[in-house]
Structures are given as C-alpha cells and as structure tokens.
Amino acid sequence: MFIRKRAGKTVKKSKTASTEKTTPVRGKTTKVKDDEFISMVQKKAYEFYIERGGEHGSDRADWYRAEQEVEKGIQGGIEVA
C-alpha cells in the first residue's frame, strides 16, 4: 500500500487493487481496466478533433462523445480503437 498526497489530502491506495470497468456482453463479462478505457477514449476523442479539422473549443464534447462510443463498443463486444 502506498500513500499519495493530492491537494493537501492524503490518499491511500493499494498496489494490488486494480480498478476495472466490467460490462456484460451477450452473457459474458468484458473487463477493461480504467487505464485502457481512458486510453481508448483519448484516441477516439482525438479522432473527432481531427475530423473537425483541428478546430479548438469542442474538447469536452469530443470527450463525452468518445466515452459514449467506447462504452457502446465494449458493450457490443466490438474493438473500438
């Protein structure tokens, strides 16, 4: 276990504890670690940014849209990258 200070608060986190996003997929369970999920969302959001011609100002909209698409892909058992 290690302790990390963040904004004046002490946060304890276990080295062995792994946070995962668990999603049922057609009778099966798909597990995607948080790091993997965030990485997938980042890539997708960047794709949307490029599709818009690299125009600034819609980063949050791109991020939320990417989260939804990645979530749908995980639920549908589709590789989303």
Protein backbone atom coordinates (compact mmCIF):
# COMPACT_ATOMS: atom_id res chain seq x y z
CA MET A 1 0.00 0.00 0.00
CA PHE A 2 1.29 3.47 -0.73
CA ILE A 3 0.17 6.91 0.31
CA ARG A 4 -0.09 9.80 -2.10
CA LYS A 5 -0.83 13.41 -1.24
CA ARG A 6 -3.16 15.25 -3.53
CA ALA A 7 -4.28 18.84 -2.99
CA GLY A 8 -3.49 18.67 0.70
CA LYS A 9 -5.36 15.37 1.19
CA THR A 10 -3.75 12.02 1.87
CA VAL A 11 -4.97 9.24 -0.37
CA LYS A 12 -4.22 5.59 0.39
CA LYS A 13 -4.16 3.18 -2.50
CA SER A 14 -3.37 -0.50 -2.56
CA LYS A 15 -0.81 -1.67 -5.10
CA THR A 16 -2.79 -4.82 -5.77
CA ALA A 17 -6.17 -3.13 -6.15
CA SER A 18 -6.97 -2.81 -9.82
CA THR A 19 -9.94 -0.79 -10.91
CA GLU A 20 -11.72 -2.26 -13.89
CA LYS A 21 -14.79 -1.37 -15.88
CA THR A 22 -16.92 -4.52 -16.03
CA THR A 23 -19.54 -4.68 -18.73
CA PRO A 24 -21.82 -7.61 -19.55
CA VAL A 25 -21.55 -8.65 -23.19
CA ARG A 26 -24.01 -11.22 -24.53
CA GLY A 27 -23.84 -13.43 -21.46
CA LYS A 28 -20.11 -12.80 -20.98
CA THR A 29 -18.35 -10.18 -18.90
CA THR A 30 -15.80 -7.90 -20.53
CA LYS A 31 -13.29 -6.30 -18.20
CA VAL A 32 -11.44 -3.20 -19.30
CA LYS A 33 -9.00 -1.60 -16.92
CA ASP A 34 -9.52 2.10 -16.26
CA ASP A 35 -6.17 2.91 -17.91
CA GLU A 36 -7.21 1.06 -21.05
CA PHE A 37 -10.64 2.72 -21.10
CA ILE A 38 -9.14 6.19 -20.75
CA SER A 39 -6.60 5.44 -23.47
CA MET A 40 -9.36 4.28 -25.81
CA VAL A 41 -11.40 7.43 -25.08
CA GLN A 42 -8.36 9.65 -25.66
CA LYS A 43 -7.72 8.10 -29.07
CA LYS A 44 -11.37 8.37 -30.08
CA ALA A 45 -11.66 11.99 -28.89
CA TYR A 46 -8.54 12.86 -30.89
CA GLU A 47 -10.11 11.27 -33.98
CA PHE A 48 -13.16 13.53 -33.53
CA TYR A 49 -10.87 16.55 -33.12
CA ILE A 50 -9.10 15.71 -36.39
CA GLU A 51 -12.45 15.10 -38.14
CA ARG A 52 -13.47 18.65 -37.14
CA GLY A 53 -10.34 19.98 -38.83
CA GLY A 54 -8.37 20.51 -35.61
CA GLU A 55 -10.64 23.35 -34.55
CA HIS A 56 -10.30 24.24 -30.87
CA GLY A 57 -13.16 24.74 -28.43
CA SER A 58 -15.07 21.45 -28.53
CA ASP A 59 -12.77 19.24 -26.49
CA ARG A 60 -15.39 18.36 -23.87
CA ALA A 61 -17.99 17.49 -26.49
CA ASP A 62 -15.41 15.28 -28.25
CA TRP A 63 -14.52 13.60 -24.94
CA TYR A 64 -18.14 12.86 -23.98
CA ARG A 65 -18.93 11.56 -27.46
CA ALA A 66 -15.82 9.37 -27.36
CA GLU A 67 -16.79 7.97 -23.94
CA GLN A 68 -20.22 7.02 -25.28
CA GLU A 69 -18.81 5.34 -28.39
CA VAL A 70 -16.18 3.41 -26.47
CA GLU A 71 -18.79 2.31 -23.92
CA LYS A 72 -21.07 1.12 -26.74
CA GLY A 73 -18.16 -0.73 -28.32
CA ILE A 74 -17.33 -2.50 -25.06
CA GLN A 75 -20.97 -3.45 -24.52
CA GLY A 76 -21.29 -4.68 -28.09
CA GLY A 77 -18.04 -6.63 -27.92
CA ILE A 78 -16.53 -4.52 -30.69
CA GLU A 79 -12.91 -3.40 -30.76
CA VAL A 80 -13.04 0.41 -30.64
CA ALA A 81 -9.63 1.84 -31.46
